[in-house]
């Protein structure tokens, strides 16, 4: 019997796996980092995410609104606030007399 290479496997202790936070990625991005960020978060190949958005676009047009929603709601890598969150904050701050809590 011939073996090729080392077949020993090291196992990590059982427990909850730690996912990276969901962020739009800098590395591997083509447009805004949405697909790369989702792929990092889900630990799958970025090509699968990109193909998924293309398929959704051609099958009913849901890919473009879904991508734009992710762009607005997922923070960019290195920040904790999304584009939508920063827009809401700027609107709240620009309205005088409305910055107190009810």
PDB file of N, CA and C in Angstrom:
ATOM      1  N   UNK A   1       0.842  -1.172   0.000  1.00  0.00           N
ATOM      2  CA  UNK A   1       0.000   0.000   0.000  1.00  0.00           C
ATOM      3  C   UNK A   1       0.887   1.236   0.000  1.00  0.00           C
ATOM      4  N   UNK A   2       0.619   2.135  -0.917  1.00  0.00           N
ATOM      5  CA  UNK A   2       1.414   3.344  -1.045  1.00  0.00           C
ATOM      6  C   UNK A   2       0.572   4.544  -0.646  1.00  0.00           C
ATOM      7  N   UNK A   3       1.153   5.449   0.141  1.00  0.00           N
ATOM      8  CA  UNK A   3       0.453   6.687   0.508  1.00  0.00           C
ATOM      9  C   UNK A   3       1.176   7.851  -0.136  1.00  0.00           C
ATOM     10  N   UNK A   4       0.440   8.820  -0.498  1.00  0.00           N
ATOM     11  CA  UNK A   4       0.992  10.022  -1.119  1.00  0.00           C
ATOM     12  C   UNK A   4       0.847  11.185  -0.160  1.00  0.00           C
ATOM     13  N   UNK A   5       1.949  11.666   0.363  1.00  0.00           N
ATOM     14  CA  UNK A   5       1.917  12.832   1.248  1.00  0.00           C
ATOM     15  C   UNK A   5       1.484  12.461   2.653  1.00  0.00           C
ATOM     16  N   UNK A   6       1.397  13.443   3.466  1.00  0.00           N
ATOM     17  CA  UNK A   6       1.006  13.279   4.860  1.00  0.00           C
ATOM     18  C   UNK A   6      -0.511  13.301   4.954  1.00  0.00           C
ATOM     19  N   UNK A   7      -1.088  12.241   5.469  1.00  0.00           N
ATOM     20  CA  UNK A   7      -2.545  12.170   5.577  1.00  0.00           C
ATOM     21  C   UNK A   7      -3.037  12.464   6.982  1.00  0.00           C
ATOM     22  N   UNK A   8      -2.138  12.820   7.882  1.00  0.00           N
ATOM     23  CA  UNK A   8      -2.575  13.142   9.236  1.00  0.00           C
ATOM     24  C   UNK A   8      -3.266  14.489   9.232  1.00  0.00           C
ATOM     25  N   UNK A   9      -4.316  14.568   9.984  1.00  0.00           N
ATOM     26  CA  UNK A   9      -5.084  15.800  10.062  1.00  0.00           C
ATOM     27  C   UNK A   9      -5.112  16.280  11.500  1.00  0.00           C
ATOM     28  N   UNK A  10      -4.958  17.563  11.651  1.00  0.00           N
ATOM     29  CA  UNK A  10      -5.087  18.141  12.982  1.00  0.00           C
ATOM     30  C   UNK A  10      -6.486  18.715  13.106  1.00  0.00           C
ATOM     31  N   UNK A  11      -7.121  18.408  14.201  1.00  0.00           N
ATOM     32  CA  UNK A  11      -8.469  18.896  14.412  1.00  0.00           C
ATOM     33  C   UNK A  11      -8.452  19.995  15.450  1.00  0.00           C
ATOM     34  N   UNK A  12      -9.257  20.998  15.203  1.00  0.00           N
ATOM     35  CA  UNK A  12      -9.398  22.069  16.169  1.00  0.00           C
ATOM     36  C   UNK A  12     -10.459  21.670  17.174  1.00  0.00           C
ATOM     37  N   UNK A  13     -10.385  22.179  18.385  1.00  0.00           N
ATOM     38  CA  UNK A  13     -11.388  21.825  19.384  1.00  0.00           C
ATOM     39  C   UNK A  13     -12.774  22.273  18.936  1.00  0.00           C
ATOM     40  N   UNK A  14     -13.745  21.449  19.285  1.00  0.00           N
ATOM     41  CA  UNK A  14     -15.130  21.764  18.915  1.00  0.00           C
ATOM     42  C   UNK A  14     -15.592  22.993  19.678  1.00  0.00           C
ATOM     43  N   UNK A  15     -16.312  23.817  19.004  1.00  0.00           N
ATOM     44  CA  UNK A  15     -16.811  25.043  19.613  1.00  0.00           C
ATOM     45  C   UNK A  15     -17.291  25.976  18.533  1.00  0.00           C
ATOM     46  N   UNK A  16     -17.809  27.105  18.932  1.00  0.00           N
ATOM     47  CA  UNK A  16     -18.320  28.031  17.925  1.00  0.00           C
ATOM     48  C   UNK A  16     -17.192  28.598  17.076  1.00  0.00           C
ATOM     49  N   UNK A  17     -17.407  28.568  15.759  1.00  0.00           N
ATOM     50  CA  UNK A  17     -16.398  29.150  14.879  1.00  0.00           C
ATOM     51  C   UNK A  17     -16.567  30.664  14.873  1.00  0.00           C
ATOM     52  N   UNK A  18     -15.463  31.350  14.801  1.00  0.00           N
ATOM     53  CA  UNK A  18     -15.497  32.804  14.856  1.00  0.00           C
ATOM     54  C   UNK A  18     -15.486  33.339  13.432  1.00  0.00           C
ATOM     55  N   UNK A  19     -16.545  34.024  13.068  1.00  0.00           N
ATOM     56  CA  UNK A  19     -16.629  34.640  11.753  1.00  0.00           C
ATOM     57  C   UNK A  19     -16.092  36.061  11.828  1.00  0.00           C
ATOM     58  N   UNK A  20     -15.504  36.508  10.742  1.00  0.00           N
ATOM     59  CA  UNK A  20     -15.124  37.921  10.714  1.00  0.00           C
ATOM     60  C   UNK A  20     -16.397  38.768  10.637  1.00  0.00           C
ATOM     61  N   UNK A  21     -16.341  40.006  11.064  1.00  0.00           N
ATOM     62  CA  UNK A  21     -17.529  40.851  10.948  1.00  0.00           C
ATOM     63  C   UNK A  21     -17.874  41.080   9.480  1.00  0.00           C
ATOM     64  N   UNK A  22     -19.138  41.265   9.194  1.00  0.00           N
ATOM     65  CA  UNK A  22     -19.579  41.512   7.821  1.00  0.00           C
ATOM     66  C   UNK A  22     -19.196  42.933   7.431  1.00  0.00           C
ATOM     67  N   UNK A  23     -18.272  43.042   6.508  1.00  0.00           N
ATOM     68  CA  UNK A  23     -17.764  44.331   6.031  1.00  0.00           C
ATOM     69  C   UNK A  23     -17.543  44.251   4.527  1.00  0.00           C
ATOM     70  N   UNK A  24     -17.635  45.384   3.843  1.00  0.00           N
ATOM     71  CA  UNK A  24     -17.253  45.454   2.432  1.00  0.00           C
ATOM     72  C   UNK A  24     -15.734  45.453   2.378  1.00  0.00           C
ATOM     73  N   UNK A  25     -15.175  44.510   1.658  1.00  0.00           N
ATOM     74  CA  UNK A  25     -13.727  44.271   1.682  1.00  0.00           C
ATOM     75  C   UNK A  25     -12.978  45.206   0.739  1.00  0.00           C
ATOM     76  N   UNK A  26     -11.745  45.522   1.127  1.00  0.00           N
ATOM     77  CA  UNK A  26     -10.831  46.253   0.245  1.00  0.00           C
ATOM     78  C   UNK A  26     -10.149  45.284  -0.716  1.00  0.00           C
ATOM     79  N   UNK A  27      -9.653  44.180  -0.152  1.00  0.00           N
ATOM     80  CA  UNK A  27      -8.901  43.229  -0.956  1.00  0.00           C
ATOM     81  C   UNK A  27      -9.862  42.323  -1.720  1.00  0.00           C
ATOM     82  N   UNK A  28      -9.650  42.198  -3.008  1.00  0.00           N
ATOM     83  CA  UNK A  28     -10.487  41.352  -3.838  1.00  0.00           C
ATOM     84  C   UNK A  28     -11.711  42.034  -4.395  1.00  0.00           C
ATOM     85  N   UNK A  29     -11.820  43.335  -4.197  1.00  0.00           N
ATOM     86  CA  UNK A  29     -13.007  44.042  -4.663  1.00  0.00           C
ATOM     87  C   UNK A  29     -12.892  44.377  -6.132  1.00  0.00           C
ATOM     88  N   UNK A  30     -14.044  44.382  -6.802  1.00  0.00           N
ATOM     89  CA  UNK A  30     -14.119  44.842  -8.186  1.00  0.00           C
ATOM     90  C   UNK A  30     -14.844  46.174  -8.254  1.00  0.00           C
ATOM     91  N   UNK A  31     -15.955  46.290  -7.556  1.00  0.00           N
ATOM     92  CA  UNK A  31     -16.692  47.561  -7.528  1.00  0.00           C
ATOM     93  C   UNK A  31     -16.606  48.201  -6.147  1.00  0.00           C
ATOM     94  N   UNK A  32     -17.459  47.740  -5.249  1.00  0.00           N
ATOM     95  CA  UNK A  32     -17.505  48.356  -3.925  1.00  0.00           C
ATOM     96  C   UNK A  32     -17.144  47.405  -2.796  1.00  0.00           C
ATOM     97  N   UNK A  33     -16.745  46.187  -3.117  1.00  0.00           N
ATOM     98  CA  UNK A  33     -16.336  45.238  -2.095  1.00  0.00           C
ATOM     99  C   UNK A  33     -17.460  44.439  -1.478  1.00  0.00           C
ATOM    100  N   UNK A  34     -18.681  44.548  -2.026  1.00  0.00           N
ATOM    101  CA  UNK A  34     -19.831  43.840  -1.465  1.00  0.00           C
ATOM    102  C   UNK A  34     -19.638  42.331  -1.597  1.00  0.00           C
ATOM    103  N   UNK A  35     -19.356  41.857  -2.792  1.00  0.00           N
ATOM    104  CA  UNK A  35     -19.210  40.413  -3.019  1.00  0.00           C
ATOM    105  C   UNK A  35     -18.035  39.841  -2.242  1.00  0.00           C
ATOM    106  N   UNK A  36     -16.907  40.541  -2.243  1.00  0.00           N
ATOM    107  CA  UNK A  36     -15.737  40.071  -1.512  1.00  0.00           C
ATOM    108  C   UNK A  36     -16.016  40.025  -0.009  1.00  0.00           C
ATOM    109  N   UNK A  37     -16.719  41.017   0.510  1.00  0.00           N
ATOM    110  CA  UNK A  37     -17.066  41.027   1.932  1.00  0.00           C
ATOM    111  C   UNK A  37     -18.013  39.904   2.305  1.00  0.00           C
ATOM    112  N   UNK A  38     -19.027  39.672   1.472  1.00  0.00           N
ATOM    113  CA  UNK A  38     -19.958  38.570   1.729  1.00  0.00           C
ATOM    114  C   UNK A  38     -19.242  37.226   1.645  1.00  0.00           C
ATOM    115  N   UNK A  39     -18.343  37.082   0.678  1.00  0.00           N
ATOM    116  CA  UNK A  39     -17.593  35.833   0.546  1.00  0.00           C
ATOM    117  C   UNK A  39     -16.696  35.596   1.760  1.00  0.00           C
ATOM    118  N   UNK A  40     -16.039  36.633   2.258  1.00  0.00           N
ATOM    119  CA  UNK A  40     -15.215  36.494   3.474  1.00  0.00           C
ATOM    120  C   UNK A  40     -16.074  36.089   4.656  1.00  0.00           C
ATOM    121  N   UNK A  41     -17.223  36.724   4.787  1.00  0.00           N
ATOM    122  CA  UNK A  41     -18.121  36.463   5.915  1.00  0.00           C
ATOM    123  C   UNK A  41     -18.672  35.035   5.870  1.00  0.00           C
ATOM    124  N   UNK A  42     -19.049  34.578   4.673  1.00  0.00           N
ATOM    125  CA  UNK A  42     -19.633  33.249   4.529  1.00  0.00           C
ATOM    126  C   UNK A  42     -18.588  32.152   4.309  1.00  0.00           C
ATOM    127  N   UNK A  43     -17.323  32.549   4.180  1.00  0.00           N
ATOM    128  CA  UNK A  43     -16.209  31.617   3.959  1.00  0.00           C
ATOM    129  C   UNK A  43     -16.423  30.770   2.708  1.00  0.00           C
ATOM    130  N   UNK A  44     -16.835  31.430   1.613  1.00  0.00           N
ATOM    131  CA  UNK A  44     -16.980  30.758   0.323  1.00  0.00           C
ATOM    132  C   UNK A  44     -16.246  31.574  -0.732  1.00  0.00           C
ATOM    133  N   UNK A  45     -16.128  31.016  -1.913  1.00  0.00           N
ATOM    134  CA  UNK A  45     -15.419  31.680  -2.998  1.00  0.00           C
ATOM    135  C   UNK A  45     -16.210  32.892  -3.485  1.00  0.00           C
ATOM    136  N   UNK A  46     -15.518  33.985  -3.718  1.00  0.00           N
ATOM    137  CA  UNK A  46     -16.159  35.226  -4.142  1.00  0.00           C
ATOM    138  C   UNK A  46     -16.863  35.057  -5.492  1.00  0.00           C
ATOM    139  N   UNK A  47     -16.373  34.147  -6.322  1.00  0.00           N
ATOM    140  CA  UNK A  47     -16.996  33.917  -7.625  1.00  0.00           C
ATOM    141  C   UNK A  47     -18.440  33.439  -7.467  1.00  0.00           C
ATOM    142  N   UNK A  48     -18.710  32.623  -6.460  1.00  0.00           N
ATOM    143  CA  UNK A  48     -20.070  32.150  -6.224  1.00  0.00           C
ATOM    144  C   UNK A  48     -21.017  33.308  -5.897  1.00  0.00           C
ATOM    145  N   UNK A  49     -20.545  34.243  -5.106  1.00  0.00           N
ATOM    146  CA  UNK A  49     -21.368  35.408  -4.759  1.00  0.00           C
ATOM    147  C   UNK A  49     -21.620  36.256  -6.001  1.00  0.00           C
ATOM    148  N   UNK A  50     -20.573  36.490  -6.780  1.00  0.00           N
ATOM    149  CA  UNK A  50     -20.722  37.304  -7.997  1.00  0.00           C
ATOM    150  C   UNK A  50     -21.676  36.652  -8.983  1.00  0.00           C
ATOM    151  N   UNK A  51     -21.541  35.348  -9.168  1.00  0.00           N
ATOM    152  CA  UNK A  51     -22.454  34.632 -10.063  1.00  0.00           C
ATOM    153  C   UNK A  51     -23.881  34.714  -9.523  1.00  0.00           C
ATOM    154  N   UNK A  52     -24.031  34.623  -8.218  1.00  0.00           N
ATOM    155  CA  UNK A  52     -25.357  34.742  -7.609  1.00  0.00           C
ATOM    156  C   UNK A  52     -26.011  36.080  -7.904  1.00  0.00           C
ATOM    157  N   UNK A  53     -25.262  37.163  -7.791  1.00  0.00           N
ATOM    158  CA  UNK A  53     -25.812  38.483  -8.112  1.00  0.00           C
ATOM    159  C   UNK A  53     -26.160  38.596  -9.597  1.00  0.00           C
ATOM    160  N   UNK A  54     -25.336  38.023 -10.471  1.00  0.00           N
ATOM    161  CA  UNK A  54     -25.623  38.063 -11.906  1.00  0.00           C
ATOM    162  C   UNK A  54     -26.880  37.265 -12.221  1.00  0.00           C
ATOM    163  N   UNK A  55     -27.001  36.087 -11.627  1.00  0.00           N
ATOM    164  CA  UNK A  55     -28.193  35.264 -11.853  1.00  0.00           C
ATOM    165  C   UNK A  55     -29.440  35.985 -11.352  1.00  0.00           C
ATOM    166  N   UNK A  56     -29.367  36.568 -10.167  1.00  0.00           N
ATOM    167  CA  UNK A  56     -30.514  37.325  -9.652  1.00  0.00           C
ATOM    168  C   UNK A  56     -30.870  38.500 -10.556  1.00  0.00           C
ATOM    169  N   UNK A  57     -29.875  39.104 -11.167  1.00  0.00           N
ATOM    170  CA  UNK A  57     -30.124  40.228 -12.070  1.00  0.00           C
ATOM    171  C   UNK A  57     -30.861  39.766 -13.315  1.00  0.00           C
ATOM    172  N   UNK A  58     -30.435  38.647 -13.896  1.00  0.00           N
ATOM    173  CA  UNK A  58     -31.069  38.164 -15.114  1.00  0.00           C
ATOM    174  C   UNK A  58     -32.405  37.473 -14.864  1.00  0.00           C
ATOM    175  N   UNK A  59     -32.610  36.938 -13.686  1.00  0.00           N
ATOM    176  CA  UNK A  59     -33.868  36.265 -13.363  1.00  0.00           C
ATOM    177  C   UNK A  59     -34.766  37.171 -12.529  1.00  0.00           C
ATOM    178  N   UNK A  60     -35.224  38.225 -13.129  1.00  0.00           N
ATOM    179  CA  UNK A  60     -36.165  39.092 -12.445  1.00  0.00           C
ATOM    180  C   UNK A  60     -35.610  40.432 -12.016  1.00  0.00           C
ATOM    181  N   UNK A  61     -34.310  40.645 -12.133  1.00  0.00           N
ATOM    182  CA  UNK A  61     -33.731  41.945 -11.830  1.00  0.00           C
ATOM    183  C   UNK A  61     -33.470  42.223 -10.367  1.00  0.00           C
ATOM    184  N   UNK A  62     -33.520  41.218  -9.517  1.00  0.00           N
ATOM    185  CA  UNK A  62     -33.323  41.456  -8.077  1.00  0.00           C
ATOM    186  C   UNK A  62     -31.864  41.654  -7.694  1.00  0.00           C
ATOM    187  N   UNK A  63     -30.931  41.327  -8.568  1.00  0.00           N
ATOM    188  CA  UNK A  63     -29.521  41.429  -8.232  1.00  0.00           C
ATOM    189  C   UNK A  63     -29.042  42.843  -8.004  1.00  0.00           C
ATOM    190  N   UNK A  64     -29.488  43.780  -8.854  1.00  0.00           N
ATOM    191  CA  UNK A  64     -29.042  45.172  -8.727  1.00  0.00           C
ATOM    192  C   UNK A  64     -29.574  45.814  -7.441  1.00  0.00           C
ATOM    193  N   UNK A  65     -30.886  45.710  -7.142  1.00  0.00           N
ATOM    194  CA  UNK A  65     -31.346  46.278  -5.865  1.00  0.00           C
ATOM    195  C   UNK A  65     -30.726  45.602  -4.645  1.00  0.00           C
ATOM    196  N   UNK A  66     -30.486  44.296  -4.733  1.00  0.00           N
ATOM    197  CA  UNK A  66     -29.860  43.594  -3.610  1.00  0.00           C
ATOM    198  C   UNK A  66     -28.429  44.088  -3.403  1.00  0.00           C
ATOM    199  N   UNK A  67     -27.694  44.272  -4.501  1.00  0.00           N
ATOM    200  CA  UNK A  67     -26.323  44.769  -4.416  1.00  0.00           C
ATOM    201  C   UNK A  67     -26.310  46.183  -3.828  1.00  0.00           C
ATOM    202  N   UNK A  68     -27.212  47.036  -4.306  1.00  0.00           N
ATOM    203  CA  UNK A  68     -27.269  48.410  -3.794  1.00  0.00           C
ATOM    204  C   UNK A  68     -27.654  48.443  -2.321  1.00  0.00           C
ATOM    205  N   UNK A  69     -28.564  47.559  -1.909  1.00  0.00           N
ATOM    206  CA  UNK A  69     -28.935  47.490  -0.492  1.00  0.00           C
ATOM    207  C   UNK A  69     -27.728  47.080   0.349  1.00  0.00           C
ATOM    208  N   UNK A  70     -26.974  46.093  -0.130  1.00  0.00           N
ATOM    209  CA  UNK A  70     -25.763  45.672   0.588  1.00  0.00           C
ATOM    210  C   UNK A  70     -24.741  46.800   0.638  1.00  0.00           C
ATOM    211  N   UNK A  71     -24.610  47.521  -0.459  1.00  0.00           N
ATOM    212  CA  UNK A  71     -23.672  48.648  -0.509  1.00  0.00           C
ATOM    213  C   UNK A  71     -24.022  49.690   0.548  1.00  0.00           C
ATOM    214  N   UNK A  72     -25.305  49.968   0.705  1.00  0.00           N
ATOM    215  CA  UNK A  72     -25.741  50.987   1.666  1.00  0.00           C
ATOM    216  C   UNK A  72     -25.717  50.494   3.109  1.00  0.00           C
ATOM    217  N   UNK A  73     -25.959  49.192   3.327  1.00  0.00           N
ATOM    218  CA  UNK A  73     -26.147  48.702   4.688  1.00  0.00           C
ATOM    219  C   UNK A  73     -24.926  48.028   5.307  1.00  0.00           C
ATOM    220  N   UNK A  74     -23.997  47.549   4.493  1.00  0.00           N
ATOM    221  CA  UNK A  74     -22.809  46.874   5.025  1.00  0.00           C
ATOM    222  C   UNK A  74     -21.683  47.898   5.150  1.00  0.00           C
ATOM    223  N   UNK A  75     -21.118  48.055   6.345  1.00  0.00           N
ATOM    224  CA  UNK A  75     -20.024  49.014   6.518  1.00  0.00           C
ATOM    225  C   UNK A  75     -18.776  48.593   5.751  1.00  0.00           C
ATOM    226  N   UNK A  76     -17.970  49.575   5.385  1.00  0.00           N
ATOM    227  CA  UNK A  76     -16.713  49.300   4.711  1.00  0.00           C
ATOM    228  C   UNK A  76     -15.695  48.804   5.722  1.00  0.00           C
ATOM    229  N   UNK A  77     -14.757  47.989   5.264  1.00  0.00           N
ATOM    230  CA  UNK A  77     -13.706  47.469   6.115  1.00  0.00           C
ATOM    231  C   UNK A  77     -12.973  48.625   6.794  1.00  0.00           C
ATOM    232  N   UNK A  78     -12.789  48.526   8.099  1.00  0.00           N
ATOM    233  CA  UNK A  78     -12.107  49.571   8.846  1.00  0.00           C
ATOM    234  C   UNK A  78     -13.053  50.569   9.498  1.00  0.00           C
ATOM    235  N   UNK A  79     -14.340  50.452   9.223  1.00  0.00           N
ATOM    236  CA  UNK A  79     -15.328  51.336   9.843  1.00  0.00           C
ATOM    237  C   UNK A  79     -16.424  50.502  10.498  1.00  0.00           C
ATOM    238  N   UNK A  80     -17.198  51.139  11.344  1.00  0.00           N
ATOM    239  CA  UNK A  80     -18.326  50.465  11.982  1.00  0.00           C
ATOM    240  C   UNK A  80     -19.659  51.020  11.511  1.00  0.00           C
ATOM    241  N   UNK A  81     -19.635  51.980  10.614  1.00  0.00           N
ATOM    242  CA  UNK A  81     -20.878  52.608  10.186  1.00  0.00           C
ATOM    243  C   UNK A  81     -21.049  52.481   8.679  1.00  0.00           C
ATOM    244  N   UNK A  82     -22.267  52.121   8.289  1.00  0.00           N
ATOM    245  CA  UNK A  82     -22.571  51.963   6.872  1.00  0.00           C
ATOM    246  C   UNK A  82     -22.843  53.325   6.240  1.00  0.00           C
ATOM    247  N   UNK A  83     -22.959  53.329   4.922  1.00  0.00           N
ATOM    248  CA  UNK A  83     -23.291  54.563   4.208  1.00  0.00           C
ATOM    249  C   UNK A  83     -24.659  55.061   4.657  1.00  0.00           C
ATOM    250  N   UNK A  84     -25.625  54.144   4.780  1.00  0.00           N
ATOM    251  CA  UNK A  84     -26.968  54.534   5.213  1.00  0.00           C
ATOM    252  C   UNK A  84     -26.944  55.105   6.630  1.00  0.00           C
ATOM    253  N   UNK A  85     -26.157  54.499   7.505  1.00  0.00           N
ATOM    254  CA  UNK A  85     -26.056  55.004   8.873  1.00  0.00           C
ATOM    255  C   UNK A  85     -25.466  56.391   8.943  1.00  0.00           C
ATOM    256  N   UNK A  86     -24.443  56.642   8.151  1.00  0.00           N
ATOM    257  CA  UNK A  86     -23.841  57.978   8.174  1.00  0.00           C
ATOM    258  C   UNK A  86     -24.771  59.010   7.544  1.00  0.00           C
ATOM    259  N   UNK A  87     -25.543  58.620   6.532  1.00  0.00           N
ATOM    260  CA  UNK A  87     -26.533  59.542   5.959  1.00  0.00           C
ATOM    261  C   UNK A  87     -27.608  59.900   6.971  1.00  0.00           C
ATOM    262  N   UNK A  88     -28.091  58.894   7.710  1.00  0.00           N
ATOM    263  CA  UNK A  88     -29.101  59.161   8.737  1.00  0.00           C
ATOM    264  C   UNK A  88     -28.559  60.068   9.834  1.00  0.00           C
ATOM    265  N   UNK A  89     -27.325  59.838  10.246  1.00  0.00           N
ATOM    266  CA  UNK A  89     -26.716  60.700  11.259  1.00  0.00           C
ATOM    267  C   UNK A  89     -26.579  62.135  10.772  1.00  0.00           C
ATOM    268  N   UNK A  90     -26.190  62.313   9.513  1.00  0.00           N
ATOM    269  CA  UNK A  90     -26.030  63.674   8.999  1.00  0.00           C
ATOM    270  C   UNK A  90     -27.373  64.379   8.883  1.00  0.00           C
ATOM    271  N   UNK A  91     -28.433  63.634   8.568  1.00  0.00           N
ATOM    272  CA  UNK A  91     -29.771  64.237   8.508  1.00  0.00           C
ATOM    273  C   UNK A  91     -30.227  64.632   9.903  1.00  0.00           C
ATOM    274  N   UNK A  92     -29.987  63.770  10.879  1.00  0.00           N
ATOM    275  CA  UNK A  92     -30.378  64.077  12.253  1.00  0.00           C
ATOM    276  C   UNK A  92     -29.649  65.310  12.778  1.00  0.00           C
ATOM    277  N   UNK A  93     -28.364  65.422  12.467  1.00  0.00           N
ATOM    278  CA  UNK A  93     -27.578  66.542  12.965  1.00  0.00           C
ATOM    279  C   UNK A  93     -27.902  67.842  12.248  1.00  0.00           C
ATOM    280  N   UNK A  94     -28.381  67.761  11.016  1.00  0.00           N
ATOM    281  CA  UNK A  94     -28.657  68.979  10.263  1.00  0.00           C
ATOM    282  C   UNK A  94     -30.015  69.584  10.593  1.00  0.00           C
ATOM    283  N   UNK A  95     -30.832  68.882  11.354  1.00  0.00           N
ATOM    284  CA  UNK A  95     -32.151  69.410  11.711  1.00  0.00           C
ATOM    285  C   UNK A  95     -32.077  70.043  13.088  1.00  0.00           C
ATOM    286  N   UNK A  96     -32.039  71.369  13.175  1.00  0.00           N
ATOM    287  CA  UNK A  96     -31.926  72.031  14.476  1.00  0.00           C
ATOM    288  C   UNK A  96     -33.174  71.811  15.330  1.00  0.00           C
ATOM    289  N   UNK A  97     -32.949  71.634  16.613  1.00  0.00           N
ATOM    290  CA  UNK A  97     -34.051  71.490  17.552  1.00  0.00           C
ATOM    291  C   UNK A  97     -34.625  70.081  17.607  1.00  0.00           C
ATOM    292  N   UNK A  98     -34.101  69.181  16.818  1.00  0.00           N
ATOM    293  CA  UNK A  98     -34.617  67.813  16.786  1.00  0.00           C
ATOM    294  C   UNK A  98     -33.600  66.787  17.258  1.00  0.00           C
ATOM    295  N   UNK A  99     -32.559  67.223  17.907  1.00  0.00           N
ATOM    296  CA  UNK A  99     -31.540  66.281  18.337  1.00  0.00           C
ATOM    297  C   UNK A  99     -31.737  65.793  19.771  1.00  0.00           C
ATOM    298  N   UNK A 100     -32.886  66.055  20.373  1.00  0.00           N
ATOM    299  CA  UNK A 100     -33.129  65.555  21.715  1.00  0.00           C
ATOM    300  C   UNK A 100     -33.960  64.276  21.632  1.00  0.00           C
ATOM    301  N   UNK A 101     -33.773  63.388  22.614  1.00  0.00           N
ATOM    302  CA  UNK A 101     -34.471  62.090  22.622  1.00  0.00           C
ATOM    303  C   UNK A 101     -35.859  62.266  23.216  1.00  0.00           C
ATOM    304  N   UNK A 102     -36.780  61.465  22.711  1.00  0.00           N
ATOM    305  CA  UNK A 102     -38.159  61.482  23.230  1.00  0.00           C
ATOM    306  C   UNK A 102     -38.345  60.417  24.242  1.00  0.00           C
TER     307      UNK A 102
END
